[in-house]
C-alpha atoms as a PDB file:
ATOM      1  CA  UNK A   1      84.861  48.842  30.328  1.00  0.00           C
ATOM      2  CA  UNK A   2      86.494  46.502  32.692  1.00  0.00           C
ATOM      3  CA  UNK A   3      86.269  49.223  35.280  1.00  0.00           C
ATOM      4  CA  UNK A   4      82.526  49.680  34.573  1.00  0.00           C
ATOM      5  CA  UNK A   5      82.050  45.966  35.105  1.00  0.00           C
ATOM      6  CA  UNK A   6      83.961  45.909  38.396  1.00  0.00           C
ATOM      7  CA  UNK A   7      81.815  48.824  39.639  1.00  0.00           C
ATOM      8  CA  UNK A   8      78.748  47.128  38.760  1.00  0.00           C
ATOM      9  CA  UNK A   9      79.851  44.072  40.735  1.00  0.00           C
ATOM     10  CA  UNK A  10      80.596  46.121  43.606  1.00  0.00           C
ATOM     11  CA  UNK A  11      77.472  48.091  43.684  1.00  0.00           C
ATOM     12  CA  UNK A  12      75.299  45.110  42.692  1.00  0.00           C
ATOM     13  CA  UNK A  13      73.393  43.611  45.674  1.00  0.00           C
ATOM     14  CA  UNK A  14      74.963  40.504  47.036  1.00  0.00           C
ATOM     15  CA  UNK A  15      72.995  37.537  47.256  1.00  0.00           C
ATOM     16  CA  UNK A  16      71.602  36.824  50.822  1.00  0.00           C
ATOM     17  CA  UNK A  17      70.231  33.730  52.627  1.00  0.00           C
ATOM     18  CA  UNK A  18      66.321  33.602  52.061  1.00  0.00           C
ATOM     19  CA  UNK A  19      65.933  33.191  55.797  1.00  0.00           C
ATOM     20  CA  UNK A  20      68.502  35.750  57.277  1.00  0.00           C
ATOM     21  CA  UNK A  21      70.736  38.320  55.904  1.00  0.00           C
ATOM     22  CA  UNK A  22      73.906  36.125  55.567  1.00  0.00           C
ATOM     23  CA  UNK A  23      75.740  36.533  52.313  1.00  0.00           C
ATOM     24  CA  UNK A  24      78.681  34.158  52.844  1.00  0.00           C
ATOM     25  CA  UNK A  25      78.923  30.471  52.087  1.00  0.00           C
ATOM     26  CA  UNK A  26      75.376  30.369  50.408  1.00  0.00           C
ATOM     27  CA  UNK A  27      73.702  27.346  48.878  1.00  0.00           C
ATOM     28  CA  UNK A  28      70.881  26.830  46.559  1.00  0.00           C
ATOM     29  CA  UNK A  29      68.294  24.489  47.311  1.00  0.00           C
ATOM     30  CA  UNK A  30      67.871  21.719  44.594  1.00  0.00           C
ATOM     31  CA  UNK A  31      64.062  21.787  45.126  1.00  0.00           C
ATOM     32  CA  UNK A  32      62.897  25.393  45.341  1.00  0.00           C
ATOM     33  CA  UNK A  33      66.248  27.082  43.876  1.00  0.00           C
ATOM     34  CA  UNK A  34      66.230  29.511  46.721  1.00  0.00           C
ATOM     35  CA  UNK A  35      69.544  30.300  48.530  1.00  0.00           C
ATOM     36  CA  UNK A  36      70.221  29.624  52.046  1.00  0.00           C
ATOM     37  CA  UNK A  37      73.347  29.753  54.616  1.00  0.00           C
ATOM     38  CA  UNK A  38      74.450  26.384  55.867  1.00  0.00           C
ATOM     39  CA  UNK A  39      72.498  26.472  58.983  1.00  0.00           C
ATOM     40  CA  UNK A  40      69.206  27.640  57.229  1.00  0.00           C
ATOM     41  CA  UNK A  41      69.596  24.998  54.411  1.00  0.00           C
ATOM     42  CA  UNK A  42      69.640  22.359  56.917  1.00  0.00           C
ATOM     43  CA  UNK A  43      66.470  23.496  58.592  1.00  0.00           C
ATOM     44  CA  UNK A  44      65.027  24.013  55.043  1.00  0.00           C
ATOM     45  CA  UNK A  45      65.654  20.438  54.068  1.00  0.00           C
ATOM     46  CA  UNK A  46      64.310  19.240  57.450  1.00  0.00           C
ATOM     47  CA  UNK A  47      61.149  21.196  56.614  1.00  0.00           C
ATOM     48  CA  UNK A  48      60.980  19.867  53.102  1.00  0.00           C
ATOM     49  CA  UNK A  49      61.432  16.229  54.619  1.00  0.00           C
ATOM     50  CA  UNK A  50      58.541  16.976  56.961  1.00  0.00           C
ATOM     51  CA  UNK A  51      56.384  18.236  54.239  1.00  0.00           C
ATOM     52  CA  UNK A  52      57.058  14.993  52.110  1.00  0.00           C
ATOM     53  CA  UNK A  53      56.238  12.794  55.277  1.00  0.00           C
ATOM     54  CA  UNK A  54      52.949  14.659  55.821  1.00  0.00           C
ATOM     55  CA  UNK A  55      51.964  14.326  52.163  1.00  0.00           C
ATOM     56  CA  UNK A  56      52.670  10.701  52.224  1.00  0.00           C
ATOM     57  CA  UNK A  57      50.628  10.391  55.441  1.00  0.00           C
ATOM     58  CA  UNK A  58      47.734  12.259  53.986  1.00  0.00           C
ATOM     59  CA  UNK A  59      47.790  10.366  50.785  1.00  0.00           C
ATOM     60  CA  UNK A  60      47.383   7.069  53.010  1.00  0.00           C
ATOM     61  CA  UNK A  61      44.694   8.689  54.974  1.00  0.00           C
ATOM     62  CA  UNK A  62      42.670   9.555  51.950  1.00  0.00           C
ATOM     63  CA  UNK A  63      43.383   6.079  50.376  1.00  0.00           C
ATOM     64  CA  UNK A  64      41.915   4.419  53.558  1.00  0.00           C
ATOM     65  CA  UNK A  65      38.924   6.993  53.446  1.00  0.00           C
ATOM     66  CA  UNK A  66      38.188   5.854  49.856  1.00  0.00           C
ATOM     67  CA  UNK A  67      38.547   2.145  50.761  1.00  0.00           C
ATOM     68  CA  UNK A  68      36.194   2.609  53.672  1.00  0.00           C
ATOM     69  CA  UNK A  69      33.636   4.393  51.554  1.00  0.00           C
ATOM     70  CA  UNK A  70      33.830   1.699  48.932  1.00  0.00           C
ATOM     71  CA  UNK A  71      33.186  -1.104  51.440  1.00  0.00           C
ATOM     72  CA  UNK A  72      30.237   0.785  53.134  1.00  0.00           C
ATOM     73  CA  UNK A  73      28.952   1.525  49.479  1.00  0.00           C
ATOM     74  CA  UNK A  74      28.769  -2.129  48.591  1.00  0.00           C
ATOM     75  CA  UNK A  75      27.494  -3.283  52.171  1.00  0.00           C
ATOM     76  CA  UNK A  76      25.079  -0.451  52.998  1.00  0.00           C
ATOM     77  CA  UNK A  77      23.727   0.604  49.505  1.00  0.00           C
ATOM     78  CA  UNK A  78      20.106   0.736  50.398  1.00  0.00           C
ATOM     79  CA  UNK A  79      20.949   2.823  53.539  1.00  0.00           C
ATOM     80  CA  UNK A  80      22.426   5.796  51.558  1.00  0.00           C
ATOM     81  CA  UNK A  81      19.991   8.726  51.531  1.00  0.00           C
ATOM     82  CA  UNK A  82      19.812   9.016  47.901  1.00  0.00           C
ATOM     83  CA  UNK A  83      18.924   5.218  47.467  1.00  0.00           C
ATOM     84  CA  UNK A  84      16.240   5.906  50.229  1.00  0.00           C
ATOM     85  CA  UNK A  85      14.885   8.758  48.138  1.00  0.00           C
ATOM     86  CA  UNK A  86      14.651   6.697  45.185  1.00  0.00           C
ATOM     87  CA  UNK A  87      12.842   3.866  47.142  1.00  0.00           C
ATOM     88  CA  UNK A  88      10.306   6.496  48.376  1.00  0.00           C
ATOM     89  CA  UNK A  89       9.695   7.826  45.022  1.00  0.00           C
ATOM     90  CA  UNK A  90       9.220   4.309  43.830  1.00  0.00           C
ATOM     91  CA  UNK A  91       6.768   3.440  46.500  1.00  0.00           C
ATOM     92  CA  UNK A  92       4.715   6.708  45.991  1.00  0.00           C
ATOM     93  CA  UNK A  93       4.662   6.146  42.168  1.00  0.00           C
ATOM     94  CA  UNK A  94       3.608   2.659  42.692  1.00  0.00           C
ATOM     95  CA  UNK A  95       0.827   3.804  44.929  1.00  0.00           C
ATOM     96  CA  UNK A  96      -0.306   6.353  42.696  1.00  0.00           C
ATOM     97  CA  UNK A  97      -0.508   3.731  39.832  1.00  0.00           C
ATOM     98  CA  UNK A  98      -2.660   1.400  42.051  1.00  0.00           C
ATOM     99  CA  UNK A  99      -4.934   4.096  43.010  1.00  0.00           C
ATOM    100  CA  UNK A 100      -5.498   5.345  39.403  1.00  0.00           C
ATOM    101  CA  UNK A 101      -5.973   1.766  38.361  1.00  0.00           C
ATOM    102  CA  UNK A 102      -8.568   1.094  40.947  1.00  0.00           C
ATOM    103  CA  UNK A 103     -10.367   4.382  39.996  1.00  0.00           C
ATOM    104  CA  UNK A 104     -10.321   3.440  36.411  1.00  0.00           C
ATOM    105  CA  UNK A 105     -11.534  -0.113  37.049  1.00  0.00           C
ATOM    106  CA  UNK A 106     -14.354   1.491  39.109  1.00  0.00           C
ATOM    107  CA  UNK A 107     -15.401   3.783  36.461  1.00  0.00           C
ATOM    108  CA  UNK A 108     -15.422   0.951  33.840  1.00  0.00           C
ATOM    109  CA  UNK A 109     -17.471  -1.327  36.056  1.00  0.00           C
ATOM    110  CA  UNK A 110     -20.050   1.433  36.629  1.00  0.00           C
ATOM    111  CA  UNK A 111     -20.431   1.935  32.902  1.00  0.00           C
ATOM    112  CA  UNK A 112     -20.546  -1.782  32.216  1.00  0.00           C
ATOM    113  CA  UNK A 113     -23.363  -1.814  34.990  1.00  0.00           C
ATOM    114  CA  UNK A 114     -25.167   1.004  33.263  1.00  0.00           C
ATOM    115  CA  UNK A 115     -24.993  -0.633  29.805  1.00  0.00           C
ATOM    116  CA  UNK A 116     -26.310  -4.011  31.357  1.00  0.00           C
ATOM    117  CA  UNK A 117     -29.332  -2.159  32.635  1.00  0.00           C
ATOM    118  CA  UNK A 118     -29.672  -0.366  29.379  1.00  0.00           C
ATOM    119  CA  UNK A 119     -29.627  -3.568  27.452  1.00  0.00           C
ATOM    120  CA  UNK A 120     -31.968  -5.234  29.891  1.00  0.00           C
ATOM    121  CA  UNK A 121     -34.556  -2.375  29.482  1.00  0.00           C
ATOM    122  CA  UNK A 122     -34.196  -2.682  25.694  1.00  0.00           C
ATOM    123  CA  UNK A 123     -34.784  -6.323  25.613  1.00  0.00           C
ATOM    124  CA  UNK A 124     -37.762  -5.796  28.036  1.00  0.00           C
ATOM    125  CA  UNK A 125     -39.497  -3.344  25.828  1.00  0.00           C
ATOM    126  CA  UNK A 126     -38.927  -5.594  22.650  1.00  0.00           C
ATOM    127  CA  UNK A 127     -40.013  -8.774  24.613  1.00  0.00           C
ATOM    128  CA  UNK A 128     -43.030  -7.086  26.097  1.00  0.00           C
ATOM    129  CA  UNK A 129     -44.054  -5.744  22.709  1.00  0.00           C
ATOM    130  CA  UNK A 130     -43.548  -9.160  21.082  1.00  0.00           C
ATOM    131  CA  UNK A 131     -45.620 -10.790  23.777  1.00  0.00           C
ATOM    132  CA  UNK A 132     -48.646  -8.325  23.682  1.00  0.00           C
ATOM    133  CA  UNK A 133     -48.726  -8.427  20.023  1.00  0.00           C
ATOM    134  CA  UNK A 134     -48.712 -12.266  19.781  1.00  0.00           C
ATOM    135  CA  UNK A 135     -51.366 -12.653  22.592  1.00  0.00           C
ATOM    136  CA  UNK A 136     -53.461 -10.213  20.962  1.00  0.00           C
ATOM    137  CA  UNK A 137     -52.582 -11.189  17.414  1.00  0.00           C
ATOM    138  CA  UNK A 138     -52.409  -7.566  16.607  1.00  0.00           C
ATOM    139  CA  UNK A 139     -49.200  -6.878  14.750  1.00  0.00           C
ATOM    140  CA  UNK A 140     -48.137  -6.116  11.180  1.00  0.00           C
ATOM    141  CA  UNK A 141     -45.269  -7.831   9.520  1.00  0.00           C
ATOM    142  CA  UNK A 142     -43.246  -4.531   9.555  1.00  0.00           C
ATOM    143  CA  UNK A 143     -43.645  -4.597  13.153  1.00  0.00           C
ATOM    144  CA  UNK A 144     -42.388  -8.139  13.535  1.00  0.00           C
ATOM    145  CA  UNK A 145     -39.521  -7.349  11.431  1.00  0.00           C
ATOM    146  CA  UNK A 146     -38.643  -4.273  13.195  1.00  0.00           C
ATOM    147  CA  UNK A 147     -38.652  -6.166  16.535  1.00  0.00           C
ATOM    148  CA  UNK A 148     -36.563  -8.833  15.033  1.00  0.00           C
ATOM    149  CA  UNK A 149     -34.107  -6.233  13.766  1.00  0.00           C
ATOM    150  CA  UNK A 150     -33.892  -4.572  17.447  1.00  0.00           C
ATOM    151  CA  UNK A 151     -33.256  -8.107  18.839  1.00  0.00           C
ATOM    152  CA  UNK A 152     -30.492  -8.627  16.375  1.00  0.00           C
ATOM    153  CA  UNK A 153     -29.050  -5.222  17.066  1.00  0.00           C
ATOM    154  CA  UNK A 154     -29.215  -6.029  20.804  1.00  0.00           C
ATOM    155  CA  UNK A 155     -27.547  -9.240  20.351  1.00  0.00           C
ATOM    156  CA  UNK A 156     -24.773  -7.610  18.402  1.00  0.00           C
ATOM    157  CA  UNK A 157     -24.197  -5.036  21.135  1.00  0.00           C
ATOM    158  CA  UNK A 158     -24.006  -8.015  23.774  1.00  0.00           C
ATOM    159  CA  UNK A 159     -21.551 -10.007  21.764  1.00  0.00           C
ATOM    160  CA  UNK A 160     -19.199  -6.915  20.857  1.00  0.00           C
ATOM    161  CA  UNK A 161     -16.991  -4.899  23.102  1.00  0.00           C
ATOM    162  CA  UNK A 162     -18.664  -2.189  24.819  1.00  0.00           C
ATOM    163  CA  UNK A 163     -19.277   0.364  21.890  1.00  0.00           C
ATOM    164  CA  UNK A 164     -19.402   3.428  24.219  1.00  0.00           C
ATOM    165  CA  UNK A 165     -16.396   2.698  26.189  1.00  0.00           C
ATOM    166  CA  UNK A 166     -12.617   2.401  25.750  1.00  0.00           C
ATOM    167  CA  UNK A 167      -9.668   2.618  28.039  1.00  0.00           C
ATOM    168  CA  UNK A 168      -6.998   5.054  26.761  1.00  0.00           C
ATOM    169  CA  UNK A 169      -3.522   4.872  28.190  1.00  0.00           C
ATOM    170  CA  UNK A 170      -1.678   8.266  27.966  1.00  0.00           C
ATOM    171  CA  UNK A 171       2.122   7.960  27.370  1.00  0.00           C
ATOM    172  CA  UNK A 172       2.810  11.449  28.865  1.00  0.00           C
ATOM    173  CA  UNK A 173       4.584  11.716  32.213  1.00  0.00           C
ATOM    174  CA  UNK A 174       1.699  11.535  34.600  1.00  0.00           C
ATOM    175  CA  UNK A 175       4.089  10.020  37.058  1.00  0.00           C
ATOM    176  CA  UNK A 176       6.749  12.138  38.004  1.00  0.00           C
ATOM    177  CA  UNK A 177      10.000  11.340  36.377  1.00  0.00           C
ATOM    178  CA  UNK A 178      13.063  10.824  38.666  1.00  0.00           C
ATOM    179  CA  UNK A 179      16.530  11.779  37.184  1.00  0.00           C
ATOM    180  CA  UNK A 180      20.076  11.582  38.571  1.00  0.00           C
ATOM    181  CA  UNK A 181      22.018  14.898  38.170  1.00  0.00           C
ATOM    182  CA  UNK A 182      25.681  15.039  39.220  1.00  0.00           C
ATOM    183  CA  UNK A 183      26.407  18.515  40.496  1.00  0.00           C
ATOM    184  CA  UNK A 184      29.777  20.256  41.110  1.00  0.00           C
ATOM    185  CA  UNK A 185      30.894  21.998  44.198  1.00  0.00           C
ATOM    186  CA  UNK A 186      29.738  25.355  42.695  1.00  0.00           C
ATOM    187  CA  UNK A 187      26.181  24.013  41.993  1.00  0.00           C
ATOM    188  CA  UNK A 188      25.806  23.066  45.721  1.00  0.00           C
ATOM    189  CA  UNK A 189      26.844  26.565  46.991  1.00  0.00           C
ATOM    190  CA  UNK A 190      24.397  28.427  44.705  1.00  0.00           C
END
């Protein structure tokens, strides 16, 4: 059995430097656990040191960029394209509200004017009938009671809110809604 073990050791491939084929005087790197000859171990350690320095430098660069973005964000918030888009939406929506309010006021005023003309015509008809009947003394008690009733009804219309008009406010989204959606890198690529 000892002979078999020795044969396996002789036939087993010898460890070699990860960079060259050197197999004598190998050292294992503590970081990556690869084996190197003395010369290549030194080169490998210098390379790791350089990567470490570059990583530290990259961290500082990213940190400075983040600080710059934070300062810009605070000082130029309203100049950001997304903020401008929100302001544009706000102005358009406000403009639509003002336009709809003016159109609605115009419609209400038109109906109020029509009602006034209608009330004036009703009053004129009642007044004319009363005056003619009083001048000719040709009326019946029933006619007089009927005209008085018509005058009372007209007076109620004048004192009450307009019975044939009301303003309804719809609570649906007649103004386009605005939302903020946080996207991922994959969403932007699609």
